[in-house]
C-alpha atoms as a PDB file:
ATOM      1  CA  MET A   1     -63.201 125.442 -68.783  1.00  0.00           C
ATOM      2  CA  LYS A   2     -64.490 128.789 -66.967  1.00  0.00           C
ATOM      3  CA  THR A   3     -65.630 126.634 -64.075  1.00  0.00           C
ATOM      4  CA  LEU A   4     -62.106 125.531 -63.418  1.00  0.00           C
ATOM      5  CA  ASN A   5     -60.719 128.832 -63.234  1.00  0.00           C
ATOM      6  CA  PHE A   6     -63.182 129.989 -60.109  1.00  0.00           C
ATOM      7  CA  ILE A   7     -62.831 126.613 -58.622  1.00  0.00           C
ATOM      8  CA  SER A   8     -58.864 127.126 -58.524  1.00  0.00           C
ATOM      9  CA  LEU A   9     -58.951 130.596 -57.417  1.00  0.00           C
ATOM     10  CA  LYS A  10     -61.055 129.449 -54.219  1.00  0.00           C
ATOM     11  CA  PHE A  11     -58.725 126.718 -53.007  1.00  0.00           C
ATOM     12  CA  GLN A  12     -55.501 128.078 -54.234  1.00  0.00           C
ATOM     13  CA  CYS A  13     -55.624 131.667 -53.373  1.00  0.00           C
ATOM     14  CA  GLU A  14     -58.017 132.424 -50.674  1.00  0.00           C
ATOM     15  CA  PRO A  15     -60.119 129.556 -49.570  1.00  0.00           C
ATOM     16  CA  THR A  16     -62.412 131.910 -47.286  1.00  0.00           C
ATOM     17  CA  TRP A  17     -63.479 134.046 -49.811  1.00  0.00           C
ATOM     18  CA  ASN A  18     -67.097 132.878 -51.825  1.00  0.00           C
ATOM     19  CA  ILE A  19     -65.323 133.573 -55.113  1.00  0.00           C
ATOM     20  CA  ILE A  20     -67.458 131.144 -56.887  1.00  0.00           C
ATOM     21  CA  ASP A  21     -70.804 132.162 -55.654  1.00  0.00           C
ATOM     22  CA  ILE A  22     -69.392 135.875 -56.354  1.00  0.00           C
ATOM     23  CA  ILE A  23     -68.240 135.376 -59.903  1.00  0.00           C
ATOM     24  CA  LEU A  24     -70.446 132.617 -60.972  1.00  0.00           C
ATOM     25  CA  SER A  25     -73.477 134.539 -59.863  1.00  0.00           C
ATOM     26  CA  TYR A  26     -72.155 137.464 -61.903  1.00  0.00           C
ATOM     27  CA  GLU A  27     -72.100 135.032 -65.020  1.00  0.00           C
ATOM     28  CA  GLN A  28     -75.199 133.605 -64.561  1.00  0.00           C
ATOM     29  CA  HIS A  29     -76.473 137.345 -64.581  1.00  0.00           C
ATOM     30  CA  TYR A  30     -74.468 137.939 -67.600  1.00  0.00           C
ATOM     31  CA  VAL A  31     -75.421 134.862 -69.610  1.00  0.00           C
ATOM     32  CA  PHE A  32     -79.250 135.196 -68.710  1.00  0.00           C
ATOM     33  CA  GLU A  33     -79.227 138.742 -70.152  1.00  0.00           C
ATOM     34  CA  LEU A  34     -77.464 137.638 -73.413  1.00  0.00           C
ATOM     35  CA  ASP A  35     -79.439 134.826 -73.982  1.00  0.00           C
ATOM     36  CA  SER A  36     -82.625 136.771 -73.606  1.00  0.00           C
ATOM     37  CA  LEU A  37     -81.598 138.799 -76.756  1.00  0.00           C
ATOM     38  CA  THR A  38     -82.885 136.343 -79.774  1.00  0.00           C
ATOM     39  CA  SER A  39     -79.645 137.791 -81.640  1.00  0.00           C
ATOM     40  CA  TYR A  40     -77.425 136.205 -79.442  1.00  0.00           C
ATOM     41  CA  SER A  41     -78.809 133.245 -78.099  1.00  0.00           C
ATOM     42  CA  HIS A  42     -77.998 129.872 -79.561  1.00  0.00           C
ATOM     43  CA  PRO A  43     -78.364 126.283 -77.360  1.00  0.00           C
ATOM     44  CA  LEU A  44     -75.486 124.503 -75.874  1.00  0.00           C
ATOM     45  CA  VAL A  45     -75.858 121.431 -77.835  1.00  0.00           C
ATOM     46  CA  ASN A  46     -75.364 121.783 -81.624  1.00  0.00           C
ATOM     47  CA  ASP A  47     -75.252 119.333 -84.699  1.00  0.00           C
ATOM     48  CA  ALA A  48     -71.461 120.587 -85.982  1.00  0.00           C
ATOM     49  CA  GLU A  49     -70.094 118.006 -88.919  1.00  0.00           C
ATOM     50  CA  SER A  50     -66.781 119.488 -88.348  1.00  0.00           C
ATOM     51  CA  PRO A  51     -64.350 120.618 -86.074  1.00  0.00           C
ATOM     52  CA  GLU A  52     -64.579 123.860 -87.618  1.00  0.00           C
ATOM     53  CA  GLU A  53     -68.206 124.107 -87.595  1.00  0.00           C
ATOM     54  CA  ALA A  54     -67.755 123.089 -83.899  1.00  0.00           C
ATOM     55  CA  GLU A  55     -65.209 125.912 -82.648  1.00  0.00           C
ATOM     56  CA  GLY A  56     -67.767 128.417 -84.744  1.00  0.00           C
ATOM     57  CA  VAL A  57     -70.304 128.410 -81.681  1.00  0.00           C
ATOM     58  CA  PHE A  58     -67.635 128.941 -78.730  1.00  0.00           C
ATOM     59  CA  ASP A  59     -68.525 132.432 -77.630  1.00  0.00           C
ATOM     60  CA  SER A  60     -68.889 134.037 -74.202  1.00  0.00           C
ATOM     61  CA  ILE A  61     -72.597 132.529 -74.178  1.00  0.00           C
ATOM     62  CA  THR A  62     -71.323 129.074 -74.243  1.00  0.00           C
ATOM     63  CA  TYR A  63     -69.073 129.504 -71.683  1.00  0.00           C
ATOM     64  CA  SER A  64     -70.869 131.427 -69.157  1.00  0.00           C
ATOM     65  CA  LYS A  65     -73.889 128.650 -69.703  1.00  0.00           C
ATOM     66  CA  GLY A  66     -71.527 125.963 -68.881  1.00  0.00           C
ATOM     67  CA  ALA A  67     -69.903 127.481 -65.821  1.00  0.00           C
ATOM     68  CA  SER A  68     -73.778 128.276 -64.743  1.00  0.00           C
ATOM     69  CA  ILE A  69     -74.906 124.866 -65.483  1.00  0.00           C
ATOM     70  CA  ASN A  70     -71.489 123.354 -63.641  1.00  0.00           C
ATOM     71  CA  ARG A  71     -72.564 125.921 -60.379  1.00  0.00           C
ATOM     72  CA  MET A  72     -76.145 124.436 -60.306  1.00  0.00           C
ATOM     73  CA  GLN A  73     -74.487 120.727 -60.457  1.00  0.00           C
ATOM     74  CA  MET A  74     -72.312 121.821 -57.634  1.00  0.00           C
ATOM     75  CA  ASN A  75     -75.115 123.193 -55.528  1.00  0.00           C
ATOM     76  CA  PHE A  76     -77.503 120.103 -56.078  1.00  0.00           C
ATOM     77  CA  LEU A  77     -74.647 117.516 -55.632  1.00  0.00           C
ATOM     78  CA  THR A  78     -72.788 119.459 -53.025  1.00  0.00           C
ATOM     79  CA  GLN A  79     -69.215 120.935 -53.996  1.00  0.00           C
ATOM     80  CA  PRO A  80     -67.359 117.277 -52.228  1.00  0.00           C
ATOM     81  CA  THR A  81     -69.025 115.450 -54.660  1.00  0.00           C
ATOM     82  CA  PHE A  82     -69.149 117.727 -57.571  1.00  0.00           C
ATOM     83  CA  LEU A  83     -65.218 117.967 -57.306  1.00  0.00           C
ATOM     84  CA  ARG A  84     -64.402 114.622 -56.628  1.00  0.00           C
ATOM     85  CA  GLY A  85     -66.715 113.736 -60.083  1.00  0.00           C
ATOM     86  CA  LEU A  86     -64.503 116.392 -61.753  1.00  0.00           C
ATOM     87  CA  THR A  87     -61.259 114.839 -60.722  1.00  0.00           C
ATOM     88  CA  ASP A  88     -62.567 111.528 -61.548  1.00  0.00           C
ATOM     89  CA  TYR A  89     -63.557 112.591 -64.911  1.00  0.00           C
ATOM     90  CA  LEU A  90     -60.102 114.914 -65.550  1.00  0.00           C
ATOM     91  CA  SER A  91     -57.894 111.769 -64.356  1.00  0.00           C
ATOM     92  CA  ILE A  92     -59.199 109.609 -67.323  1.00  0.00           C
ATOM     93  CA  GLN A  93     -59.201 112.537 -69.945  1.00  0.00           C
END
């Protein structure tokens, strides 16, 4: 999960850096540019009928879109609320 990489950088390496904003902003611009090209664009949700079919759709657009959505959720919910929810989710998985 790309978002976890960025969050761990912030909290484990250098908490004073705005690493989440810097990197995810880059990711968001990158994915918006790629997603605007009809030859690369695809939705995050699909109707895969097998694990192999599902694996075939995971690419840089999928991960960057997911990271961008997570960043938007974190900004909407506030960082403490988002991280608490993420911690709860990961603890039951």
